[in-house]
Amino acid sequence: MLIGEYEHSVDAKGRLIMPSKLKQDLGESFIVTKGLDSCLFVFSLTEWSNFEEKLKTLPLTNKNARDFVRFFLSGATECELDKQGRFLISANLRQYASLEKDVVIIGVGTRLEIWNKEKWQEYSNEENISADEIAENMTMLGI
């Protein structure tokens, strides 16, 4: 399971070190794509395959479904770790998520999210995200 919060920096060539604690669950090769909330999503190849299968079930005749599929698939790229444990984030994905230098990698169970550090701090600020409020809303989802 991918969990935890890790701070790293993107180097001048657009490479990012994958935290060693995450490598085992993620694997040496994985998919990086645009995510929601202006971050990037990182999936193991197995989880990506599961996600793709779900996308294939969406109706082609529904515009929202087509937009959703385009959003995730158009920016998706397969990445591999080099000998130093780094991977290259494409320029279009770095631009989408405003990844210039300092980033935060968070594990959210089945995937990772890569955030611009300032945006993550804003998002996770107690004023913006209340655990009590989230828990209350999760009852609607059966949790």
N, C-alpha and C. Protein backbone atom coordinates (compact mmCIF):
# COMPACT_ATOMS: atom_id res chain seq x y z
N MET A 1 0.85 -1.18 0.00
CA MET A 1 0.00 0.00 0.00
C MET A 1 0.89 1.24 0.00
N LEU A 2 0.54 2.19 -0.84
CA LEU A 2 1.32 3.42 -0.97
C LEU A 2 0.80 4.44 0.04
N ILE A 3 1.64 4.73 1.04
CA ILE A 3 1.25 5.67 2.09
C ILE A 3 2.42 6.58 2.43
N GLY A 4 2.13 7.66 3.13
CA GLY A 4 3.17 8.56 3.61
C GLY A 4 3.23 9.85 2.83
N GLU A 5 4.06 10.76 3.33
CA GLU A 5 4.27 12.08 2.73
C GLU A 5 5.78 12.33 2.67
N TYR A 6 6.28 12.68 1.50
CA TYR A 6 7.71 12.83 1.27
C TYR A 6 7.99 14.12 0.52
N GLU A 7 8.96 14.88 0.98
CA GLU A 7 9.35 16.12 0.31
C GLU A 7 10.63 15.87 -0.49
N HIS A 8 10.61 16.30 -1.74
CA HIS A 8 11.77 16.17 -2.63
C HIS A 8 11.82 17.38 -3.55
N SER A 9 12.83 17.41 -4.40
CA SER A 9 12.97 18.49 -5.37
C SER A 9 13.11 17.93 -6.77
N VAL A 10 12.53 18.63 -7.72
CA VAL A 10 12.70 18.30 -9.13
C VAL A 10 14.01 18.96 -9.56
N ASP A 11 14.88 18.20 -10.23
CA ASP A 11 16.15 18.79 -10.66
C ASP A 11 15.96 19.59 -11.95
N ALA A 12 17.03 20.22 -12.42
CA ALA A 12 16.97 21.10 -13.59
C ALA A 12 16.53 20.37 -14.86
N LYS A 13 16.71 19.05 -14.91
CA LYS A 13 16.32 18.27 -16.08
C LYS A 13 14.91 17.71 -15.96
N GLY A 14 14.21 18.01 -14.85
CA GLY A 14 12.84 17.53 -14.67
C GLY A 14 12.75 16.15 -14.03
N ARG A 15 13.84 15.71 -13.38
CA ARG A 15 13.85 14.39 -12.75
C ARG A 15 13.52 14.52 -11.26
N LEU A 16 12.91 13.48 -10.75
CA LEU A 16 12.50 13.44 -9.35
C LEU A 16 12.93 12.11 -8.76
N ILE A 17 13.44 12.13 -7.55
CA ILE A 17 13.82 10.89 -6.87
C ILE A 17 12.57 10.24 -6.29
N MET A 18 12.42 8.95 -6.53
CA MET A 18 11.31 8.19 -5.95
C MET A 18 11.73 7.73 -4.56
N PRO A 19 10.98 8.10 -3.53
CA PRO A 19 11.34 7.65 -2.18
C PRO A 19 11.48 6.13 -2.13
N SER A 20 12.55 5.67 -1.49
CA SER A 20 12.84 4.23 -1.49
C SER A 20 11.72 3.41 -0.86
N LYS A 21 11.01 3.95 0.12
CA LYS A 21 9.92 3.21 0.75
C LYS A 21 8.77 2.93 -0.23
N LEU A 22 8.68 3.72 -1.30
CA LEU A 22 7.58 3.55 -2.25
C LEU A 22 7.96 2.67 -3.44
N LYS A 23 9.25 2.52 -3.71
CA LYS A 23 9.71 1.77 -4.88
C LYS A 23 9.19 0.33 -4.88
N GLN A 24 9.19 -0.31 -3.73
CA GLN A 24 8.80 -1.73 -3.66
C GLN A 24 7.36 -1.93 -4.11
N ASP A 25 6.45 -1.08 -3.64
CA ASP A 25 5.04 -1.23 -4.00
C ASP A 25 4.75 -0.72 -5.41
N LEU A 26 5.49 0.28 -5.85
CA LEU A 26 5.23 0.89 -7.15
C LEU A 26 5.88 0.11 -8.29
N GLY A 27 7.09 -0.37 -8.06
CA GLY A 27 7.82 -1.07 -9.11
C GLY A 27 8.79 -0.14 -9.82
N GLU A 28 9.59 -0.70 -10.70
CA GLU A 28 10.61 0.07 -11.42
C GLU A 28 10.02 0.83 -12.61
N SER A 29 8.85 0.45 -13.04
CA SER A 29 8.17 1.07 -14.16
C SER A 29 6.74 1.38 -13.74
N PHE A 30 6.25 2.56 -14.08
CA PHE A 30 4.94 3.00 -13.62
C PHE A 30 4.40 4.08 -14.55
N ILE A 31 3.14 4.47 -14.34
CA ILE A 31 2.48 5.46 -15.18
C ILE A 31 2.29 6.75 -14.38
N VAL A 32 2.63 7.88 -15.01
CA VAL A 32 2.39 9.21 -14.44
C VAL A 32 1.43 9.92 -15.38
N THR A 33 0.39 10.54 -14.81
CA THR A 33 -0.59 11.26 -15.61
C THR A 33 -1.14 12.45 -14.84
N LYS A 34 -1.90 13.28 -15.54
CA LYS A 34 -2.56 14.40 -14.87
C LYS A 34 -3.52 13.85 -13.84
N GLY A 35 -3.57 14.50 -12.69
CA GLY A 35 -4.48 14.10 -11.65
C GLY A 35 -5.48 15.22 -11.36
N LEU A 36 -6.33 14.96 -10.42
CA LEU A 36 -7.31 15.96 -10.01
C LEU A 36 -6.67 16.91 -9.00
N ASP A 37 -7.25 18.06 -8.78
CA ASP A 37 -6.76 19.05 -7.81
C ASP A 37 -5.38 19.61 -8.19
N SER A 38 -5.04 19.60 -9.47
CA SER A 38 -3.78 20.17 -9.99
C SER A 38 -2.53 19.43 -9.50
N CYS A 39 -2.65 18.13 -9.28
CA CYS A 39 -1.47 17.33 -8.95
C CYS A 39 -1.31 16.26 -10.03
N LEU A 40 -0.27 15.46 -9.90
CA LEU A 40 -0.08 14.32 -10.80
C LEU A 40 -0.43 13.03 -10.07
N PHE A 41 -0.97 12.07 -10.80
CA PHE A 41 -1.25 10.75 -10.26
C PHE A 41 -0.17 9.81 -10.78
N VAL A 42 0.27 8.90 -9.92
CA VAL A 42 1.26 7.90 -10.28
C VAL A 42 0.68 6.53 -9.92
N PHE A 43 0.59 5.66 -10.92
CA PHE A 43 0.01 4.33 -10.75
C PHE A 43 1.05 3.25 -11.05
N SER A 44 1.05 2.17 -10.28
CA SER A 44 1.83 1.00 -10.67
C SER A 44 1.21 0.49 -11.97
N LEU A 45 1.94 -0.33 -12.70
CA LEU A 45 1.39 -0.85 -13.96
C LEU A 45 0.14 -1.68 -13.71
N THR A 46 0.09 -2.41 -12.59
CA THR A 46 -1.09 -3.21 -12.26
C THR A 46 -2.29 -2.31 -11.98
N GLU A 47 -2.10 -1.29 -11.15
CA GLU A 47 -3.20 -0.37 -10.82
C GLU A 47 -3.64 0.41 -12.05
N TRP A 48 -2.69 0.77 -12.91
CA TRP A 48 -3.05 1.48 -14.14
C TRP A 48 -3.93 0.61 -15.03
N SER A 49 -3.57 -0.66 -15.12
CA SER A 49 -4.37 -1.60 -15.91
C SER A 49 -5.79 -1.69 -15.35
N ASN A 50 -5.93 -1.75 -14.04
CA ASN A 50 -7.25 -1.76 -13.41
C ASN A 50 -8.02 -0.48 -13.73
N PHE A 51 -7.33 0.65 -13.65
CA PHE A 51 -7.95 1.95 -13.94
C PHE A 51 -8.39 2.02 -15.41
N GLU A 52 -7.53 1.56 -16.31
CA GLU A 52 -7.88 1.55 -17.74
C GLU A 52 -9.12 0.71 -18.01
N GLU A 53 -9.22 -0.42 -17.34
CA GLU A 53 -10.39 -1.28 -17.52
C GLU A 53 -11.66 -0.54 -17.12
N LYS A 54 -11.60 0.22 -16.04
CA LYS A 54 -12.76 1.01 -15.62
C LYS A 54 -13.08 2.09 -16.65
N LEU A 55 -12.04 2.72 -17.20
CA LEU A 55 -12.27 3.76 -18.22
C LEU A 55 -12.93 3.17 -19.46
N LYS A 56 -12.57 1.95 -19.82
CA LYS A 56 -13.14 1.29 -21.00
C LYS A 56 -14.63 1.04 -20.87
N THR A 57 -15.12 0.97 -19.64
CA THR A 57 -16.54 0.69 -19.44
C THR A 57 -17.40 1.95 -19.56
N LEU A 58 -16.76 3.12 -19.61
CA LEU A 58 -17.53 4.37 -19.71
C LEU A 58 -18.14 4.50 -21.09
N PRO A 59 -19.36 5.00 -21.19
CA PRO A 59 -20.04 5.09 -22.48
C PRO A 59 -19.42 6.14 -23.41
N LEU A 60 -19.09 5.72 -24.59
CA LEU A 60 -18.51 6.60 -25.60
C LEU A 60 -19.48 7.71 -26.00
N THR A 61 -20.74 7.47 -25.83
CA THR A 61 -21.76 8.45 -26.23
C THR A 61 -21.98 9.55 -25.21
N ASN A 62 -21.35 9.44 -24.03
CA ASN A 62 -21.51 10.43 -22.98
C ASN A 62 -20.32 11.40 -23.01
N LYS A 63 -20.60 12.69 -23.21
CA LYS A 63 -19.53 13.69 -23.33
C LYS A 63 -18.67 13.76 -22.07
N ASN A 64 -19.29 13.73 -20.89
CA ASN A 64 -18.51 13.77 -19.65
C ASN A 64 -17.56 12.58 -19.55
N ALA A 65 -18.02 11.43 -19.97
CA ALA A 65 -17.19 10.23 -19.94
C ALA A 65 -16.02 10.38 -20.91
N ARG A 66 -16.27 10.89 -22.12
CA ARG A 66 -15.21 11.10 -23.09
C ARG A 66 -14.18 12.09 -22.56
N ASP A 67 -14.65 13.18 -21.96
CA ASP A 67 -13.76 14.18 -21.38
C ASP A 67 -12.89 13.59 -20.27
N PHE A 68 -13.51 12.77 -19.44
CA PHE A 68 -12.82 12.13 -18.33
C PHE A 68 -11.69 11.23 -18.86
N VAL A 69 -12.00 10.41 -19.84
CA VAL A 69 -11.01 9.50 -20.43
C VAL A 69 -9.89 10.30 -21.08
N ARG A 70 -10.22 11.32 -21.84
CA ARG A 70 -9.20 12.16 -22.48
C ARG A 70 -8.28 12.79 -21.45
N PHE A 71 -8.86 13.30 -20.39
CA PHE A 71 -8.09 13.98 -19.36
C PHE A 71 -6.98 13.07 -18.83
N PHE A 72 -7.33 11.84 -18.47
CA PHE A 72 -6.35 10.94 -17.87
C PHE A 72 -5.40 10.31 -18.88
N LEU A 73 -5.90 9.95 -20.06
CA LEU A 73 -5.06 9.23 -21.01
C LEU A 73 -4.15 10.12 -21.85
N SER A 74 -4.58 11.35 -22.13
CA SER A 74 -3.79 12.21 -23.01
C SER A 74 -2.44 12.58 -22.41
N GLY A 75 -2.36 12.71 -21.12
CA GLY A 75 -1.09 13.09 -20.51
C GLY A 75 -0.31 11.92 -19.94
N ALA A 76 -0.87 10.73 -20.02
CA ALA A 76 -0.23 9.57 -19.38
C ALA A 76 1.08 9.20 -20.06
N THR A 77 2.06 8.88 -19.25
CA THR A 77 3.35 8.45 -19.77
C THR A 77 3.93 7.38 -18.86
N GLU A 78 4.58 6.40 -19.48
CA GLU A 78 5.24 5.36 -18.69
C GLU A 78 6.63 5.85 -18.30
N CYS A 79 6.96 5.72 -17.05
CA CYS A 79 8.26 6.17 -16.53
C CYS A 79 9.01 4.98 -15.94
N GLU A 80 10.32 5.09 -15.98
CA GLU A 80 11.18 4.07 -15.37
C GLU A 80 12.20 4.75 -14.48
N LEU A 81 12.57 4.07 -13.41
CA LEU A 81 13.59 4.60 -12.51
C LEU A 81 14.97 4.36 -13.10
N ASP A 82 15.85 5.36 -12.97
CA ASP A 82 17.24 5.15 -13.38
C ASP A 82 18.00 4.53 -12.21
N LYS A 83 19.31 4.36 -12.36
CA LYS A 83 20.12 3.70 -11.33
C LYS A 83 20.16 4.48 -10.02
N GLN A 84 19.90 5.78 -10.08
CA GLN A 84 19.87 6.61 -8.88
C GLN A 84 18.47 6.72 -8.27
N GLY A 85 17.52 6.00 -8.84
CA GLY A 85 16.15 6.02 -8.32
C GLY A 85 15.35 7.24 -8.75
N ARG A 86 15.79 7.88 -9.84
CA ARG A 86 15.09 9.06 -10.35
C ARG A 86 14.25 8.68 -11.56
N PHE A 87 13.24 9.52 -11.84
CA PHE A 87 12.45 9.36 -13.06
C PHE A 87 12.18 10.74 -13.63
N LEU A 88 12.00 10.78 -14.95
CA LEU A 88 11.78 12.04 -15.65
C LEU A 88 10.28 12.32 -15.74
N ILE A 89 9.90 13.51 -15.31
CA ILE A 89 8.51 13.96 -15.46
C ILE A 89 8.47 14.84 -16.69
N SER A 90 7.64 14.50 -17.65
CA SER A 90 7.59 15.26 -18.91
C SER A 90 7.24 16.72 -18.65
N ALA A 91 7.68 17.58 -19.55
CA ALA A 91 7.48 19.03 -19.40
C ALA A 91 6.00 19.39 -19.31
N ASN A 92 5.16 18.72 -20.11
CA ASN A 92 3.73 19.06 -20.07
C ASN A 92 3.10 18.70 -18.72
N LEU A 93 3.53 17.60 -18.11
CA LEU A 93 3.01 17.24 -16.80
C LEU A 93 3.55 18.15 -15.71
N ARG A 94 4.83 18.53 -15.81
CA ARG A 94 5.39 19.48 -14.83
C ARG A 94 4.65 20.81 -14.90
N GLN A 95 4.35 21.24 -16.12
CA GLN A 95 3.62 22.50 -16.29
C GLN A 95 2.20 22.39 -15.72
N TYR A 96 1.51 21.30 -16.01
CA TYR A 96 0.14 21.11 -15.52
C TYR A 96 0.07 21.22 -14.00
N ALA A 97 1.03 20.59 -13.30
CA ALA A 97 1.00 20.55 -11.84
C ALA A 97 1.86 21.63 -11.19
N SER A 98 2.40 22.55 -11.99
CA SER A 98 3.25 23.64 -11.49
C SER A 98 4.43 23.11 -10.68
N LEU A 99 5.08 22.07 -11.20
CA LEU A 99 6.23 21.47 -10.52
C LEU A 99 7.50 22.14 -11.03
N GLU A 100 8.05 23.02 -10.22
CA GLU A 100 9.26 23.71 -10.62
C GLU A 100 10.46 23.26 -9.80
N LYS A 101 10.32 23.19 -8.50
CA LYS A 101 11.43 22.78 -7.64
C LYS A 101 10.95 21.87 -6.51
N ASP A 102 10.39 22.46 -5.47
CA ASP A 102 9.99 21.69 -4.29
C ASP A 102 8.64 21.02 -4.51
N VAL A 103 8.60 19.70 -4.24
CA VAL A 103 7.38 18.93 -4.42
C VAL A 103 7.13 18.06 -3.20
N VAL A 104 5.90 17.61 -3.08
CA VAL A 104 5.52 16.66 -2.04
C VAL A 104 4.91 15.46 -2.75
N ILE A 105 5.39 14.28 -2.39
CA ILE A 105 4.85 13.03 -2.92
C ILE A 105 4.05 12.41 -1.78
N ILE A 106 2.78 12.13 -2.04
CA ILE A 106 1.96 11.51 -1.00
C ILE A 106 1.42 10.18 -1.51
N GLY A 107 1.37 9.22 -0.61
CA GLY A 107 0.77 7.93 -0.91
C GLY A 107 -0.68 7.95 -0.51
N VAL A 108 -1.55 7.54 -1.42
CA VAL A 108 -2.99 7.52 -1.14
C VAL A 108 -3.56 6.12 -1.43
N GLY A 109 -2.85 5.11 -0.98
CA GLY A 109 -3.33 3.74 -1.11
C GLY A 109 -2.93 3.07 -2.40
N THR A 110 -3.72 3.27 -3.43
CA THR A 110 -3.47 2.59 -4.71
C THR A 110 -2.67 3.42 -5.69
N ARG A 111 -2.36 4.65 -5.32
CA ARG A 111 -1.58 5.52 -6.21
C ARG A 111 -0.81 6.52 -5.37
N LEU A 112 0.10 7.22 -6.06
CA LEU A 112 0.80 8.35 -5.46
C LEU A 112 0.25 9.62 -6.07
N GLU A 113 0.41 10.71 -5.37
CA GLU A 113 0.13 12.03 -5.92
C GLU A 113 1.39 12.87 -5.76
N ILE A 114 1.71 13.64 -6.79
CA ILE A 114 2.85 14.55 -6.74
C ILE A 114 2.30 15.96 -6.81
N TRP A 115 2.61 16.74 -5.78
CA TRP A 115 2.08 18.09 -5.63
C TRP A 115 3.20 19.12 -5.62
N ASN A 116 2.92 20.29 -6.16
CA ASN A 116 3.74 21.47 -5.91
C ASN A 116 3.66 21.68 -4.39
N LYS A 117 4.80 21.89 -3.73
CA LYS A 117 4.83 21.97 -2.27
C LYS A 117 3.91 23.06 -1.72
N GLU A 118 3.92 24.23 -2.34
CA GLU A 118 3.06 25.32 -1.86
C GLU A 118 1.58 24.97 -2.02
N LYS A 119 1.22 24.37 -3.16
CA LYS A 119 -0.18 23.98 -3.37
C LYS A 119 -0.61 22.91 -2.37
N TRP A 120 0.30 21.97 -2.05
CA TRP A 120 -0.04 20.95 -1.07
C TRP A 120 -0.26 21.58 0.30
N GLN A 121 0.60 22.51 0.66
CA GLN A 121 0.45 23.16 1.96
C GLN A 121 -0.86 23.94 2.04
N GLU A 122 -1.21 24.61 0.95
CA GLU A 122 -2.50 25.32 0.89
C GLU A 122 -3.65 24.34 1.03
N TYR A 123 -3.60 23.27 0.25
CA TYR A 123 -4.67 22.28 0.24
C TYR A 123 -4.85 21.63 1.61
N SER A 124 -3.74 21.25 2.23
CA SER A 124 -3.81 20.51 3.48
C SER A 124 -3.91 21.41 4.71
N ASN A 125 -3.93 22.71 4.50
CA ASN A 125 -4.10 23.66 5.59
C ASN A 125 -5.40 23.35 6.33
N GLU A 126 -5.35 23.40 7.64
CA GLU A 126 -6.51 23.02 8.47
C GLU A 126 -7.76 23.83 8.12
N GLU A 127 -7.57 25.08 7.66
CA GLU A 127 -8.73 25.89 7.31
C GLU A 127 -9.42 25.36 6.05
N ASN A 128 -8.65 24.73 5.17
CA ASN A 128 -9.20 24.25 3.90
C ASN A 128 -9.71 22.82 3.97
N ILE A 129 -9.20 22.05 4.90
CA ILE A 129 -9.56 20.64 4.96
C ILE A 129 -9.80 20.25 6.42
N SER A 130 -10.99 19.90 6.73
CA SER A 130 -11.36 19.53 8.08
C SER A 130 -11.65 18.04 8.14
N ALA A 131 -10.89 17.32 8.93
CA ALA A 131 -11.08 15.87 9.05
C ALA A 131 -12.49 15.53 9.51
N ASP A 132 -13.02 16.34 10.41
CA ASP A 132 -14.38 16.08 10.90
C ASP A 132 -15.40 16.24 9.78
N GLU A 133 -15.23 17.29 8.99
CA GLU A 133 -16.17 17.53 7.89
C GLU A 133 -16.07 16.44 6.83
N ILE A 134 -14.85 16.02 6.54
CA ILE A 134 -14.65 14.95 5.56
C ILE A 134 -15.31 13.66 6.06
N ALA A 135 -15.07 13.33 7.32
CA ALA A 135 -15.65 12.11 7.90
C ALA A 135 -17.17 12.14 7.84
N GLU A 136 -17.72 13.31 8.10
CA GLU A 136 -19.18 13.47 8.04
C GLU A 136 -19.69 13.19 6.63
N ASN A 137 -18.99 13.72 5.63
CA ASN A 137 -19.40 13.54 4.25
C ASN A 137 -19.20 12.11 3.75
N MET A 138 -18.27 11.37 4.36
CA MET A 138 -18.01 9.99 3.94
C MET A 138 -19.15 9.05 4.30
N THR A 139 -19.99 9.42 5.24
CA THR A 139 -21.12 8.57 5.57
C THR A 139 -22.04 8.38 4.37
N MET A 140 -22.07 9.38 3.49
CA MET A 140 -22.87 9.27 2.27
C MET A 140 -22.33 8.20 1.33
N LEU A 141 -21.03 7.90 1.47
CA LEU A 141 -20.39 6.88 0.63
C LEU A 141 -20.33 5.53 1.32
N GLY A 142 -20.93 5.45 2.50
CA GLY A 142 -20.97 4.18 3.21
C GLY A 142 -19.73 3.89 4.04
N ILE A 143 -18.95 4.92 4.34
CA ILE A 143 -17.73 4.72 5.15
C ILE A 143 -17.96 5.24 6.55
